[in-house]
Amino acid sequence: MSGEDKEVNKNSKLDFNDPKLSQGCKKIWSYFLDLVKSNSFQKNILEIRKKYKIPENGFPEAELLEIYGKETDDYEDMFVEIMDICTKYKLFFEDWYIIISEYVLSNEIDSEFSDNNQNVCIVRDLDEDKTKQDDDCDCISCKNRNEIYPIGIKISPYASKRDIIDYIRKNFGLVKSLQERYKNPKIMIGRVRKKKQSIQERNDFIYENRELSINETKKQVEEKFGESLDYEYIGKIRSEEAKKRKEM
């Protein structure tokens, strides 16, 4: 990492080595940190500082603490300028407004992050996140859709397949909590029951074809048994079936 990179990253609380952090969050933060170093972004920031009589390099810490310590409307109008920046650089305003406004005032990136925010995917409670289109949609079909699918995962056009899968895996706790909020205990929708024999047949097939790659095994199981198993589960089945055979 260059000295310039360290300077930009020094006050960011983002730990790129955190295993809990999804690829999408790392991707969007890398984009933002590179953006901060760009001439066009810096030009936008300097224009805002000049307009609101903020020092060229932001306020020194003592003055900044004084500004944060009292209620002031002096910088409320920056809302529009920062909205323009977010629109220009394809950043979700709700996620980046505070981060950018603090950067304008202090010249530092010193904000908490959340894996479900500042990402290329985001889980939304659609009942709380209604768009104007949803509000205007009074038809029976729209209302039915919103009742059946009250939770949404919004995906950026810049998210890869890996980003999406990784995001869901690392944020499934949030998805699950929203599911529990909307579940009706009288509605019994669950796993399709399978006969024990068919499960054992599937496991036998996985073990007998253990020389295949995990990826190829996954494809064949989907074709033969109609089940989509993740790679870790296939490996677990192989291990358990091998152990069974040793004990016999």
C-alpha atoms as a PDB file:
ATOM      1  CA  MET A   1       0.000   0.000   0.000  1.00  0.00           C
ATOM      2  CA  SER A   2       1.416   3.387  -0.967  1.00  0.00           C
ATOM      3  CA  GLY A   3       1.810   6.326   1.426  1.00  0.00           C
ATOM      4  CA  GLU A   4      -1.147   8.025  -0.274  1.00  0.00           C
ATOM      5  CA  ASP A   5      -3.306   4.913   0.227  1.00  0.00           C
ATOM      6  CA  LYS A   6      -2.363   4.781   3.902  1.00  0.00           C
ATOM      7  CA  GLU A   7      -3.279   8.438   4.279  1.00  0.00           C
ATOM      8  CA  VAL A   8      -6.739   7.845   2.827  1.00  0.00           C
ATOM      9  CA  ASN A   9      -7.274   4.622   4.789  1.00  0.00           C
ATOM     10  CA  LYS A  10      -5.769   5.635   8.130  1.00  0.00           C
ATOM     11  CA  ASN A  11      -9.029   6.743   9.767  1.00  0.00           C
ATOM     12  CA  SER A  12     -11.358   4.333   8.027  1.00  0.00           C
ATOM     13  CA  LYS A  13     -12.588   1.663  10.436  1.00  0.00           C
ATOM     14  CA  LEU A  14     -12.964  -0.771   7.579  1.00  0.00           C
ATOM     15  CA  ASP A  15     -10.817  -3.869   8.110  1.00  0.00           C
ATOM     16  CA  PHE A  16     -10.358  -5.549   4.751  1.00  0.00           C
ATOM     17  CA  ASN A  17      -9.069  -8.694   6.495  1.00  0.00           C
ATOM     18  CA  ASP A  18     -12.248  -9.160   8.549  1.00  0.00           C
ATOM     19  CA  PRO A  19     -13.608 -12.612   7.531  1.00  0.00           C
ATOM     20  CA  LYS A  20     -17.163 -11.490   8.372  1.00  0.00           C
ATOM     21  CA  LEU A  21     -16.998  -8.784   5.725  1.00  0.00           C
ATOM     22  CA  SER A  22     -18.544  -9.663   2.375  1.00  0.00           C
ATOM     23  CA  GLN A  23     -16.815  -9.203  -0.965  1.00  0.00           C
ATOM     24  CA  GLY A  24     -19.421  -6.639  -2.003  1.00  0.00           C
ATOM     25  CA  CYS A  25     -18.651  -4.387   0.966  1.00  0.00           C
ATOM     26  CA  LYS A  26     -14.914  -4.591   0.247  1.00  0.00           C
ATOM     27  CA  LYS A  27     -15.595  -3.838  -3.410  1.00  0.00           C
ATOM     28  CA  ILE A  28     -17.677  -0.701  -2.814  1.00  0.00           C
ATOM     29  CA  TRP A  29     -15.287   0.615  -0.139  1.00  0.00           C
ATOM     30  CA  SER A  30     -12.285   0.059  -2.434  1.00  0.00           C
ATOM     31  CA  TYR A  31     -14.151   2.025  -5.076  1.00  0.00           C
ATOM     32  CA  PHE A  32     -14.907   4.836  -2.613  1.00  0.00           C
ATOM     33  CA  LEU A  33     -11.354   5.061  -1.253  1.00  0.00           C
ATOM     34  CA  ASP A  34     -10.009   5.250  -4.818  1.00  0.00           C
ATOM     35  CA  LEU A  35     -12.658   7.839  -5.602  1.00  0.00           C
ATOM     36  CA  VAL A  36     -11.545  10.040  -2.702  1.00  0.00           C
ATOM     37  CA  LYS A  37      -8.054  10.201  -4.234  1.00  0.00           C
ATOM     38  CA  SER A  38      -9.344  11.238  -7.664  1.00  0.00           C
ATOM     39  CA  ASN A  39      -9.002  14.808  -8.917  1.00  0.00           C
ATOM     40  CA  SER A  40     -12.671  15.071  -9.893  1.00  0.00           C
ATOM     41  CA  PHE A  41     -13.899  14.057  -6.436  1.00  0.00           C
ATOM     42  CA  GLN A  42     -11.447  16.378  -4.681  1.00  0.00           C
ATOM     43  CA  LYS A  43     -12.569  19.213  -6.933  1.00  0.00           C
ATOM     44  CA  ASN A  44     -16.197  18.610  -5.874  1.00  0.00           C
ATOM     45  CA  ILE A  45     -15.201  18.592  -2.195  1.00  0.00           C
ATOM     46  CA  LEU A  46     -13.173  21.806  -2.494  1.00  0.00           C
ATOM     47  CA  GLU A  47     -16.094  23.544  -4.211  1.00  0.00           C
ATOM     48  CA  ILE A  48     -18.400  22.612  -1.318  1.00  0.00           C
ATOM     49  CA  ARG A  49     -15.849  23.758   1.274  1.00  0.00           C
ATOM     50  CA  LYS A  50     -15.419  27.059  -0.513  1.00  0.00           C
ATOM     51  CA  LYS A  51     -19.182  27.593  -0.744  1.00  0.00           C
ATOM     52  CA  TYR A  52     -19.718  26.949   2.986  1.00  0.00           C
ATOM     53  CA  LYS A  53     -16.512  28.708   4.133  1.00  0.00           C
ATOM     54  CA  ILE A  54     -14.916  25.517   5.375  1.00  0.00           C
ATOM     55  CA  PRO A  55     -11.069  25.496   5.427  1.00  0.00           C
ATOM     56  CA  GLU A  56      -9.488  23.916   2.357  1.00  0.00           C
ATOM     57  CA  ASN A  57      -8.260  20.929   4.414  1.00  0.00           C
ATOM     58  CA  GLY A  58     -11.274  20.773   6.727  1.00  0.00           C
ATOM     59  CA  PHE A  59     -11.630  22.113  10.239  1.00  0.00           C
ATOM     60  CA  PRO A  60      -8.921  21.374  12.825  1.00  0.00           C
ATOM     61  CA  GLU A  61     -10.035  18.950  15.537  1.00  0.00           C
ATOM     62  CA  ALA A  62     -10.715  21.605  18.206  1.00  0.00           C
ATOM     63  CA  GLU A  63     -13.083  23.571  15.960  1.00  0.00           C
ATOM     64  CA  LEU A  64     -14.677  20.381  14.692  1.00  0.00           C
ATOM     65  CA  LEU A  65     -15.549  19.253  18.224  1.00  0.00           C
ATOM     66  CA  GLU A  66     -17.117  22.640  18.846  1.00  0.00           C
ATOM     67  CA  ILE A  67     -19.237  22.332  15.670  1.00  0.00           C
ATOM     68  CA  TYR A  68     -20.377  18.805  16.587  1.00  0.00           C
ATOM     69  CA  GLY A  69     -21.090  19.904  20.149  1.00  0.00           C
ATOM     70  CA  LYS A  70     -23.716  22.475  19.264  1.00  0.00           C
ATOM     71  CA  GLU A  71     -26.804  22.459  17.106  1.00  0.00           C
ATOM     72  CA  THR A  72     -26.257  24.382  13.898  1.00  0.00           C
ATOM     73  CA  ASP A  73     -28.057  24.787  10.599  1.00  0.00           C
ATOM     74  CA  ASP A  74     -24.950  26.189   8.879  1.00  0.00           C
ATOM     75  CA  TYR A  75     -24.275  23.030   6.871  1.00  0.00           C
ATOM     76  CA  GLU A  76     -27.768  21.626   6.350  1.00  0.00           C
ATOM     77  CA  ASP A  77     -27.854  22.908   2.766  1.00  0.00           C
ATOM     78  CA  MET A  78     -24.857  20.696   1.927  1.00  0.00           C
ATOM     79  CA  PHE A  79     -27.491  17.957   1.610  1.00  0.00           C
ATOM     80  CA  VAL A  80     -28.113  18.914  -2.033  1.00  0.00           C
ATOM     81  CA  GLU A  81     -24.419  19.048  -2.999  1.00  0.00           C
ATOM     82  CA  ILE A  82     -23.699  15.680  -1.405  1.00  0.00           C
ATOM     83  CA  MET A  83     -26.774  14.201  -3.077  1.00  0.00           C
ATOM     84  CA  ASP A  84     -25.312  15.403  -6.404  1.00  0.00           C
ATOM     85  CA  ILE A  85     -21.982  13.734  -5.596  1.00  0.00           C
ATOM     86  CA  CYS A  86     -23.727  10.446  -4.748  1.00  0.00           C
ATOM     87  CA  THR A  87     -25.733  10.614  -7.974  1.00  0.00           C
ATOM     88  CA  LYS A  88     -22.637  11.405 -10.040  1.00  0.00           C
ATOM     89  CA  TYR A  89     -20.560   8.552  -8.620  1.00  0.00           C
ATOM     90  CA  LYS A  90     -23.360   5.976  -8.215  1.00  0.00           C
ATOM     91  CA  LEU A  91     -23.285   5.890  -4.399  1.00  0.00           C
ATOM     92  CA  PHE A  92     -26.447   5.187  -2.389  1.00  0.00           C
ATOM     93  CA  PHE A  93     -27.187   8.477  -0.633  1.00  0.00           C
ATOM     94  CA  GLU A  94     -28.504   6.977   2.621  1.00  0.00           C
ATOM     95  CA  ASP A  95     -25.296   4.969   3.049  1.00  0.00           C
ATOM     96  CA  TRP A  96     -22.786   7.653   2.114  1.00  0.00           C
ATOM     97  CA  TYR A  97     -24.245  11.016   3.181  1.00  0.00           C
ATOM     98  CA  ILE A  98     -22.756  11.021   6.683  1.00  0.00           C
ATOM     99  CA  ILE A  99     -19.410   9.634   5.507  1.00  0.00           C
ATOM    100  CA  ILE A 100     -19.022  12.268   2.783  1.00  0.00           C
ATOM    101  CA  SER A 101     -20.309  15.162   4.910  1.00  0.00           C
ATOM    102  CA  GLU A 102     -17.847  14.250   7.679  1.00  0.00           C
ATOM    103  CA  TYR A 103     -15.089  14.120   5.088  1.00  0.00           C
ATOM    104  CA  VAL A 104     -16.048  17.591   3.865  1.00  0.00           C
ATOM    105  CA  LEU A 105     -15.845  18.968   7.414  1.00  0.00           C
ATOM    106  CA  SER A 106     -12.834  17.068   8.760  1.00  0.00           C
ATOM    107  CA  ASN A 107     -10.897  15.772   5.717  1.00  0.00           C
ATOM    108  CA  GLU A 108     -10.995  12.340   7.352  1.00  0.00           C
ATOM    109  CA  ILE A 109     -12.839   9.097   6.647  1.00  0.00           C
ATOM    110  CA  ASP A 110     -13.923   8.222  10.144  1.00  0.00           C
ATOM    111  CA  SER A 111     -17.264   6.438  10.000  1.00  0.00           C
ATOM    112  CA  GLU A 112     -18.583   3.110  11.171  1.00  0.00           C
ATOM    113  CA  PHE A 113     -19.517   0.695   8.416  1.00  0.00           C
ATOM    114  CA  SER A 114     -22.111  -2.016   8.109  1.00  0.00           C
ATOM    115  CA  ASP A 115     -21.892  -5.001   5.784  1.00  0.00           C
ATOM    116  CA  ASN A 116     -25.566  -4.523   4.886  1.00  0.00           C
ATOM    117  CA  ASN A 117     -24.865  -0.887   3.976  1.00  0.00           C
ATOM    118  CA  GLN A 118     -22.094   0.374   1.728  1.00  0.00           C
ATOM    119  CA  ASN A 119     -22.338  -2.766  -0.374  1.00  0.00           C
ATOM    120  CA  VAL A 120     -23.239  -3.883  -3.906  1.00  0.00           C
ATOM    121  CA  CYS A 121     -26.242  -5.743  -2.437  1.00  0.00           C
ATOM    122  CA  ILE A 122     -28.631  -4.763   0.319  1.00  0.00           C
ATOM    123  CA  VAL A 123     -31.446  -6.485   2.226  1.00  0.00           C
ATOM    124  CA  ARG A 124     -34.573  -4.393   2.570  1.00  0.00           C
ATOM    125  CA  ASP A 125     -37.792  -4.673   4.525  1.00  0.00           C
ATOM    126  CA  LEU A 126     -40.000  -3.595   1.642  1.00  0.00           C
ATOM    127  CA  ASP A 127     -42.797  -2.512   3.953  1.00  0.00           C
ATOM    128  CA  GLU A 128     -40.431   0.098   5.420  1.00  0.00           C
ATOM    129  CA  ASP A 129     -38.693   0.867   2.128  1.00  0.00           C
ATOM    130  CA  LYS A 130     -41.636   1.557  -0.166  1.00  0.00           C
ATOM    131  CA  THR A 131     -40.859   3.420  -3.356  1.00  0.00           C
ATOM    132  CA  LYS A 132     -43.260   5.887  -4.934  1.00  0.00           C
ATOM    133  CA  GLN A 133     -44.092   3.208  -7.478  1.00  0.00           C
ATOM    134  CA  ASP A 134     -45.169   0.838  -4.688  1.00  0.00           C
ATOM    135  CA  ASP A 135     -47.238   3.576  -3.036  1.00  0.00           C
ATOM    136  CA  ASP A 136     -49.018   4.305  -6.302  1.00  0.00           C
ATOM    137  CA  CYS A 137     -49.693   0.649  -7.018  1.00  0.00           C
ATOM    138  CA  ASP A 138     -53.177  -0.051  -5.641  1.00  0.00           C
ATOM    139  CA  CYS A 139     -53.963  -3.054  -7.794  1.00  0.00           C
ATOM    140  CA  ILE A 140     -54.760  -6.404  -6.166  1.00  0.00           C
ATOM    141  CA  SER A 141     -51.766  -7.997  -7.892  1.00  0.00           C
ATOM    142  CA  CYS A 142     -49.290  -5.459  -6.415  1.00  0.00           C
ATOM    143  CA  LYS A 143     -50.693  -5.784  -2.909  1.00  0.00           C
ATOM    144  CA  ASN A 144     -50.592  -9.557  -3.153  1.00  0.00           C
ATOM    145  CA  ARG A 145     -46.975  -9.450  -4.339  1.00  0.00           C
ATOM    146  CA  ASN A 146     -45.934  -7.233  -1.426  1.00  0.00           C
ATOM    147  CA  GLU A 147     -47.648  -9.506   1.085  1.00  0.00           C
ATOM    148  CA  ILE A 148     -46.088 -12.681  -0.323  1.00  0.00           C
ATOM    149  CA  TYR A 149     -42.617 -11.157  -0.847  1.00  0.00           C
ATOM    150  CA  PRO A 150     -42.166  -8.518   1.898  1.00  0.00           C
ATOM    151  CA  ILE A 151     -38.358  -8.854   1.918  1.00  0.00           C
ATOM    152  CA  GLY A 152     -36.107  -7.756  -0.912  1.00  0.00           C
ATOM    153  CA  ILE A 153     -32.450  -8.138  -1.782  1.00  0.00           C
ATOM    154  CA  LYS A 154     -31.521  -5.227  -4.012  1.00  0.00           C
ATOM    155  CA  ILE A 155     -28.596  -5.878  -6.327  1.00  0.00           C
ATOM    156  CA  SER A 156     -26.267  -3.366  -7.955  1.00  0.00           C
ATOM    157  CA  PRO A 157     -25.506  -3.857 -11.658  1.00  0.00           C
ATOM    158  CA  TYR A 158     -21.855  -4.035 -10.548  1.00  0.00           C
ATOM    159  CA  ALA A 159     -22.375  -7.083  -8.299  1.00  0.00           C
ATOM    160  CA  SER A 160     -20.894 -10.352  -9.518  1.00  0.00           C
ATOM    161  CA  LYS A 161     -22.387 -13.793  -8.886  1.00  0.00           C
ATOM    162  CA  ARG A 162     -19.729 -14.312  -6.218  1.00  0.00           C
ATOM    163  CA  ASP A 163     -20.615 -10.980  -4.556  1.00  0.00           C
ATOM    164  CA  ILE A 164     -24.306 -11.921  -4.391  1.00  0.00           C
ATOM    165  CA  ILE A 165     -23.740 -15.422  -2.985  1.00  0.00           C
ATOM    166  CA  ASP A 166     -21.165 -14.176  -0.475  1.00  0.00           C
ATOM    167  CA  TYR A 167     -23.441 -11.324   0.618  1.00  0.00           C
ATOM    168  CA  ILE A 168     -26.414 -13.614   1.261  1.00  0.00           C
ATOM    169  CA  ARG A 169     -24.231 -16.114   3.130  1.00  0.00           C
ATOM    170  CA  LYS A 170     -22.773 -13.445   5.422  1.00  0.00           C
ATOM    171  CA  ASN A 171     -26.010 -11.518   5.946  1.00  0.00           C
ATOM    172  CA  PHE A 172     -28.470 -14.395   6.198  1.00  0.00           C
ATOM    173  CA  GLY A 173     -29.004 -13.614   9.894  1.00  0.00           C
ATOM    174  CA  LEU A 174     -30.634 -10.332   8.857  1.00  0.00           C
ATOM    175  CA  VAL A 175     -32.693 -12.080   6.171  1.00  0.00           C
ATOM    176  CA  LYS A 176     -33.819 -14.669   8.718  1.00  0.00           C
ATOM    177  CA  SER A 177     -34.836 -12.032  11.281  1.00  0.00           C
ATOM    178  CA  LEU A 178     -37.009 -10.299   8.662  1.00  0.00           C
ATOM    179  CA  GLN A 179     -38.525 -13.650   7.644  1.00  0.00           C
ATOM    180  CA  GLU A 180     -39.459 -14.343  11.260  1.00  0.00           C
ATOM    181  CA  ARG A 181     -41.147 -10.947  11.449  1.00  0.00           C
ATOM    182  CA  TYR A 182     -43.480 -11.792   8.560  1.00  0.00           C
ATOM    183  CA  LYS A 183     -44.029 -15.530   9.042  1.00  0.00           C
ATOM    184  CA  ASN A 184     -47.582 -16.652   9.668  1.00  0.00           C
ATOM    185  CA  PRO A 185     -47.528 -19.705  11.981  1.00  0.00           C
ATOM    186  CA  LYS A 186     -50.670 -21.019  10.277  1.00  0.00           C
ATOM    187  CA  ILE A 187     -48.915 -21.212   6.903  1.00  0.00           C
ATOM    188  CA  MET A 188     -46.919 -24.433   6.646  1.00  0.00           C
ATOM    189  CA  ILE A 189     -44.470 -23.967   3.778  1.00  0.00           C
ATOM    190  CA  GLY A 190     -41.275 -25.909   4.338  1.00  0.00           C
ATOM    191  CA  ARG A 191     -38.980 -28.473   2.859  1.00  0.00           C
ATOM    192  CA  VAL A 192     -40.357 -31.087   0.537  1.00  0.00           C
ATOM    193  CA  ARG A 193     -40.290 -34.336   2.455  1.00  0.00           C
ATOM    194  CA  LYS A 194     -38.109 -37.012   0.984  1.00  0.00           C
ATOM    195  CA  LYS A 195     -38.066 -40.699   1.711  1.00  0.00           C
ATOM    196  CA  LYS A 196     -35.080 -41.838   3.745  1.00  0.00           C
ATOM    197  CA  GLN A 197     -34.202 -44.325   1.029  1.00  0.00           C
ATOM    198  CA  SER A 198     -33.859 -41.580  -1.610  1.00  0.00           C
ATOM    199  CA  ILE A 199     -31.582 -39.571   0.695  1.00  0.00           C
ATOM    200  CA  GLN A 200     -29.387 -42.615   1.226  1.00  0.00           C
ATOM    201  CA  GLU A 201     -29.353 -43.258  -2.515  1.00  0.00           C
ATOM    202  CA  ARG A 202     -28.158 -39.698  -3.010  1.00  0.00           C
ATOM    203  CA  ASN A 203     -25.456 -40.131  -0.360  1.00  0.00           C
ATOM    204  CA  ASP A 204     -24.350 -43.436  -1.904  1.00  0.00           C
ATOM    205  CA  PHE A 205     -24.128 -41.742  -5.280  1.00  0.00           C
ATOM    206  CA  ILE A 206     -21.977 -38.932  -3.850  1.00  0.00           C
ATOM    207  CA  TYR A 207     -19.627 -41.402  -2.151  1.00  0.00           C
ATOM    208  CA  GLU A 208     -19.368 -43.761  -5.124  1.00  0.00           C
ATOM    209  CA  ASN A 209     -18.471 -40.797  -7.345  1.00  0.00           C
ATOM    210  CA  ARG A 210     -15.989 -39.272  -4.896  1.00  0.00           C
ATOM    211  CA  GLU A 211     -13.278 -39.195  -7.566  1.00  0.00           C
ATOM    212  CA  LEU A 212     -15.248 -36.412  -9.297  1.00  0.00           C
ATOM    213  CA  SER A 213     -14.614 -32.783  -8.417  1.00  0.00           C
ATOM    214  CA  ILE A 214     -16.994 -31.189  -5.916  1.00  0.00           C
ATOM    215  CA  ASN A 215     -18.298 -28.932  -8.689  1.00  0.00           C
ATOM    216  CA  GLU A 216     -19.038 -31.862 -11.024  1.00  0.00           C
ATOM    217  CA  THR A 217     -20.649 -33.830  -8.176  1.00  0.00           C
ATOM    218  CA  LYS A 218     -22.896 -30.855  -7.413  1.00  0.00           C
ATOM    219  CA  LYS A 219     -24.037 -30.701 -11.063  1.00  0.00           C
ATOM    220  CA  GLN A 220     -24.760 -34.421 -11.241  1.00  0.00           C
ATOM    221  CA  VAL A 221     -26.705 -34.437  -7.945  1.00  0.00           C
ATOM    222  CA  GLU A 222     -28.851 -31.573  -9.263  1.00  0.00           C
ATOM    223  CA  GLU A 223     -29.549 -33.470 -12.483  1.00  0.00           C
ATOM    224  CA  LYS A 224     -30.159 -36.876 -10.889  1.00  0.00           C
ATOM    225  CA  PHE A 225     -31.887 -35.970  -7.600  1.00  0.00           C
ATOM    226  CA  GLY A 226     -33.162 -32.437  -8.207  1.00  0.00           C
ATOM    227  CA  GLU A 227     -31.315 -31.088  -5.162  1.00  0.00           C
ATOM    228  CA  SER A 228     -28.937 -28.152  -5.001  1.00  0.00           C
ATOM    229  CA  LEU A 229     -26.353 -28.893  -2.327  1.00  0.00           C
ATOM    230  CA  ASP A 230     -23.573 -26.528  -1.333  1.00  0.00           C
ATOM    231  CA  TYR A 231     -19.950 -27.592  -1.623  1.00  0.00           C
ATOM    232  CA  GLU A 232     -19.364 -27.920   2.131  1.00  0.00           C
ATOM    233  CA  TYR A 233     -22.370 -30.235   2.514  1.00  0.00           C
ATOM    234  CA  ILE A 234     -21.184 -32.502  -0.321  1.00  0.00           C
ATOM    235  CA  GLY A 235     -17.787 -32.759   1.369  1.00  0.00           C
ATOM    236  CA  LYS A 236     -19.483 -33.578   4.670  1.00  0.00           C
ATOM    237  CA  ILE A 237     -21.549 -36.363   3.044  1.00  0.00           C
ATOM    238  CA  ARG A 238     -18.420 -37.881   1.512  1.00  0.00           C
ATOM    239  CA  SER A 239     -16.682 -37.830   4.876  1.00  0.00           C
ATOM    240  CA  GLU A 240     -19.644 -39.312   6.772  1.00  0.00           C
ATOM    241  CA  GLU A 241     -20.201 -42.069   4.204  1.00  0.00           C
ATOM    242  CA  ALA A 242     -16.506 -42.993   4.270  1.00  0.00           C
ATOM    243  CA  LYS A 243     -16.639 -43.190   8.079  1.00  0.00           C
ATOM    244  CA  LYS A 244     -19.762 -45.422   7.934  1.00  0.00           C
ATOM    245  CA  ARG A 245     -18.020 -47.849   5.647  1.00  0.00           C
ATOM    246  CA  LYS A 246     -14.971 -48.082   7.872  1.00  0.00           C
ATOM    247  CA  GLU A 247     -17.168 -48.931  10.854  1.00  0.00           C
ATOM    248  CA  MET A 248     -19.020 -51.698   9.003  1.00  0.00           C
END
